[in-house]
């Protein structure tokens, strides 16, 4: 049944479709993109939103965008939500340069954090740090991350003493507010994401 604005509606609701949903009869409309005709009926070919062009009487389905999901090799940016001795929990909000509509949780294990031996996760990152990582495993439903690589690691950190933004000088992070000096596994691009 056709509704206003060229949308196919059922009981005054927009009609979302899945493959195989019957949309119209061939006598009323012509099949357009995202549809197919079979035995006088027009069906949806994909998951999406069904539209009818009221002028041309063409029914189409605009395919729904698939949610942005991290996969092995994806570059992600997230905030450290928890840092324990051997691992950190990361709330991922950017995947391959695109902002996610819903953040994902990722895990950074200490053995995947740095090519050199780190004794504790607080030498790599701390709660509140923003870091850039690559996804190395998605088999356990929670992406496992790595910060090995010069451009990977903490890209923004805050002083654990006063909360001021830390500035990178050589391989150390300095707080211009209180003078505190801290260590992290920083990215070679530390601070550039803010400009």
Protein backbone atom coordinates (compact mmCIF):
# COMPACT_ATOMS: atom_id res chain seq x y z
CA UNK A 1 0.00 0.00 0.00
CA UNK A 2 1.41 3.38 -0.96
CA UNK A 3 1.69 6.18 1.61
CA UNK A 4 2.63 9.84 1.43
CA UNK A 5 5.98 11.08 0.15
CA UNK A 6 6.32 8.05 -2.14
CA UNK A 7 7.00 5.66 0.74
CA UNK A 8 5.40 2.27 0.91
CA UNK A 9 3.50 2.14 4.17
CA UNK A 10 1.67 -0.47 6.16
CA UNK A 11 -0.79 0.73 8.80
CA UNK A 12 0.63 4.27 8.59
CA UNK A 13 4.21 3.04 9.22
CA UNK A 14 7.17 3.21 6.85
CA UNK A 15 7.75 -0.16 5.23
CA UNK A 16 11.17 -1.60 5.89
CA UNK A 17 11.81 -4.61 3.75
CA UNK A 18 13.84 -7.76 3.73
CA UNK A 19 14.64 -9.87 0.66
CA UNK A 20 11.48 -11.54 -0.65
CA UNK A 21 8.95 -9.07 0.80
CA UNK A 22 6.07 -8.47 -1.66
CA UNK A 23 5.86 -4.74 -2.40
CA UNK A 24 3.34 -4.27 -5.22
CA UNK A 25 1.64 -5.85 -8.20
CA UNK A 26 3.05 -5.30 -11.66
CA UNK A 27 -0.20 -3.64 -12.83
CA UNK A 28 0.30 -0.80 -10.28
CA UNK A 29 4.05 -0.20 -10.53
CA UNK A 30 7.23 -1.03 -12.38
CA UNK A 31 10.19 -2.70 -10.60
CA UNK A 32 13.11 -0.37 -9.85
CA UNK A 33 16.50 -0.68 -8.15
CA UNK A 34 16.59 -3.14 -5.24
CA UNK A 35 13.53 -5.06 -6.51
CA UNK A 36 12.62 -7.90 -8.85
CA UNK A 37 9.43 -9.11 -10.54
CA UNK A 38 8.10 -12.65 -10.29
CA UNK A 39 4.66 -13.94 -11.37
CA UNK A 40 3.14 -10.47 -11.55
CA UNK A 41 4.42 -9.27 -8.16
CA UNK A 42 7.31 -6.95 -7.27
CA UNK A 43 9.55 -8.13 -4.42
CA UNK A 44 12.39 -6.64 -2.40
CA UNK A 45 15.89 -7.81 -3.32
CA UNK A 46 17.58 -6.42 -0.20
CA UNK A 47 17.15 -5.12 3.33
CA UNK A 48 16.13 -1.49 3.17
CA UNK A 49 13.40 1.11 2.83
CA UNK A 50 10.81 0.73 0.04
CA UNK A 51 9.93 3.83 -2.04
CA UNK A 52 7.43 4.45 -4.84
CA UNK A 53 8.04 7.18 -7.37
CA UNK A 54 4.50 8.60 -7.62
CA UNK A 55 5.14 10.11 -11.07
CA UNK A 56 6.81 7.17 -12.80
CA UNK A 57 5.05 4.54 -10.68
CA UNK A 58 8.37 2.78 -10.01
CA UNK A 59 8.89 0.90 -6.75
CA UNK A 60 12.47 0.80 -5.44
CA UNK A 61 14.24 -0.32 -2.29
CA UNK A 62 17.01 1.85 -0.94
CA UNK A 63 19.43 -0.61 0.60
CA UNK A 64 20.11 -0.08 4.29
CA UNK A 65 23.67 0.80 5.16
CA UNK A 66 25.38 -1.97 6.99
CA UNK A 67 26.56 -0.97 10.43
CA UNK A 68 30.21 -0.05 10.71
CA UNK A 69 32.00 -3.03 12.23
CA UNK A 70 35.67 -3.42 13.09
CA UNK A 71 37.47 -6.18 11.22
CA UNK A 72 41.00 -7.53 11.27
CA UNK A 73 43.29 -4.81 9.95
CA UNK A 74 40.92 -1.93 10.80
CA UNK A 75 42.54 1.14 12.33
CA UNK A 76 40.52 2.28 15.33
CA UNK A 77 40.57 5.19 17.78
CA UNK A 78 39.11 4.87 21.24
CA UNK A 79 39.21 5.94 24.86
CA UNK A 80 40.74 3.79 27.59
CA UNK A 81 37.86 2.95 29.94
CA UNK A 82 39.73 0.58 32.28
CA UNK A 83 43.40 -0.33 32.62
CA UNK A 84 44.42 -3.35 34.63
CA UNK A 85 47.89 -4.78 35.09
CA UNK A 86 47.95 -6.89 31.89
CA UNK A 87 45.17 -5.43 29.71
CA UNK A 88 43.07 -2.37 28.97
CA UNK A 89 39.43 -1.99 27.92
CA UNK A 90 38.99 0.47 25.06
CA UNK A 91 35.74 2.15 23.95
CA UNK A 92 36.16 2.38 20.16
CA UNK A 93 34.43 5.35 18.51
CA UNK A 94 36.25 5.64 15.16
CA UNK A 95 36.78 2.74 12.73
CA UNK A 96 38.89 3.31 9.61
CA UNK A 97 38.37 7.07 9.87
CA UNK A 98 34.57 6.90 10.28
CA UNK A 99 32.72 7.73 13.49
CA UNK A 100 30.59 4.82 14.72
CA UNK A 101 26.99 5.35 15.73
CA UNK A 102 27.50 2.95 18.64
CA UNK A 103 30.90 2.53 20.29
CA UNK A 104 32.48 -0.92 20.41
CA UNK A 105 34.48 -2.40 23.25
CA UNK A 106 37.99 -3.60 22.40
CA UNK A 107 40.73 -5.22 24.45
CA UNK A 108 44.41 -4.32 24.39
CA UNK A 109 46.63 -7.00 25.96
CA UNK A 110 50.03 -5.92 27.23
CA UNK A 111 51.83 -8.38 24.91
CA UNK A 112 50.21 -6.63 21.91
CA UNK A 113 50.98 -3.12 23.07
CA UNK A 114 54.65 -2.55 22.38
CA UNK A 115 57.61 -4.30 20.74
CA UNK A 116 59.60 -3.74 23.93
CA UNK A 117 58.82 -5.46 27.20
CA UNK A 118 56.30 -3.55 29.30
CA UNK A 119 55.79 -4.71 32.89
CA UNK A 120 52.39 -3.13 33.46
CA UNK A 121 49.65 -1.56 31.38
CA UNK A 122 50.10 1.84 33.08
CA UNK A 123 53.40 2.09 31.15
CA UNK A 124 51.35 1.81 27.93
CA UNK A 125 48.13 3.73 28.64
CA UNK A 126 45.92 5.00 31.45
CA UNK A 127 42.19 5.53 31.91
CA UNK A 128 41.01 8.53 29.86
CA UNK A 129 43.79 8.30 27.26
CA UNK A 130 42.78 8.38 23.60
CA UNK A 131 44.65 5.81 21.54
CA UNK A 132 45.00 4.61 17.99
CA UNK A 133 45.27 0.87 17.42
CA UNK A 134 44.84 -1.82 14.81
CA UNK A 135 42.41 -4.73 15.14
CA UNK A 136 44.33 -8.02 15.15
CA UNK A 137 41.55 -10.47 16.05
CA UNK A 138 37.74 -10.42 16.01
CA UNK A 139 37.08 -14.14 16.56
CA UNK A 140 36.00 -13.80 20.19
CA UNK A 141 33.32 -11.14 19.41
CA UNK A 142 35.36 -8.47 21.21
CA UNK A 143 38.02 -6.94 18.97
CA UNK A 144 41.57 -7.57 20.17
CA UNK A 145 43.79 -4.58 19.51
CA UNK A 146 47.48 -3.88 19.00
CA UNK A 147 49.42 -0.65 19.38
CA UNK A 148 52.63 -2.03 17.87
CA UNK A 149 53.82 0.35 15.18
CA UNK A 150 55.15 3.88 15.26
CA UNK A 151 51.84 5.58 14.36
CA UNK A 152 49.89 3.48 16.87
CA UNK A 153 49.56 4.17 20.57
CA UNK A 154 48.32 7.01 22.73
CA UNK A 155 47.43 10.11 20.68
CA UNK A 156 46.13 12.22 23.57
CA UNK A 157 46.71 11.84 27.32
CA UNK A 158 45.86 13.70 30.48
CA UNK A 159 47.92 14.24 33.61
CA UNK A 160 47.13 11.66 36.28
CA UNK A 161 47.89 14.28 38.94
CA UNK A 162 45.90 17.38 37.84
CA UNK A 163 44.01 16.38 34.66
CA UNK A 164 45.86 18.80 32.38
CA UNK A 165 46.63 17.84 28.78
CA UNK A 166 50.05 16.20 28.45
CA UNK A 167 52.50 17.58 25.86
CA UNK A 168 54.99 15.23 24.17
CA UNK A 169 58.69 16.12 24.30
CA UNK A 170 61.05 13.41 23.06
CA UNK A 171 59.63 10.19 24.50
CA UNK A 172 58.11 11.73 27.64
CA UNK A 173 54.80 13.43 28.35
CA UNK A 174 54.86 16.68 30.32
CA UNK A 175 52.06 18.52 32.07
CA UNK A 176 52.37 22.27 31.58
CA UNK A 177 49.96 22.88 34.48
CA UNK A 178 51.69 21.05 37.33
CA UNK A 179 55.03 19.94 35.83
CA UNK A 180 54.30 16.22 36.17
CA UNK A 181 56.22 13.87 33.81
CA UNK A 182 54.61 10.61 32.64
CA UNK A 183 55.33 7.68 30.33
CA UNK A 184 53.03 6.10 27.75
CA UNK A 185 53.41 4.10 24.54
CA UNK A 186 52.74 7.14 22.35
CA UNK A 187 52.02 7.37 18.65
CA UNK A 188 54.43 9.30 16.42
CA UNK A 189 51.31 11.36 15.60
CA UNK A 190 50.65 12.27 19.25
CA UNK A 191 48.65 15.50 19.46
CA UNK A 192 48.18 15.87 15.69
CA UNK A 193 44.60 14.61 15.78
CA UNK A 194 43.67 17.67 17.82
CA UNK A 195 44.78 20.20 15.20
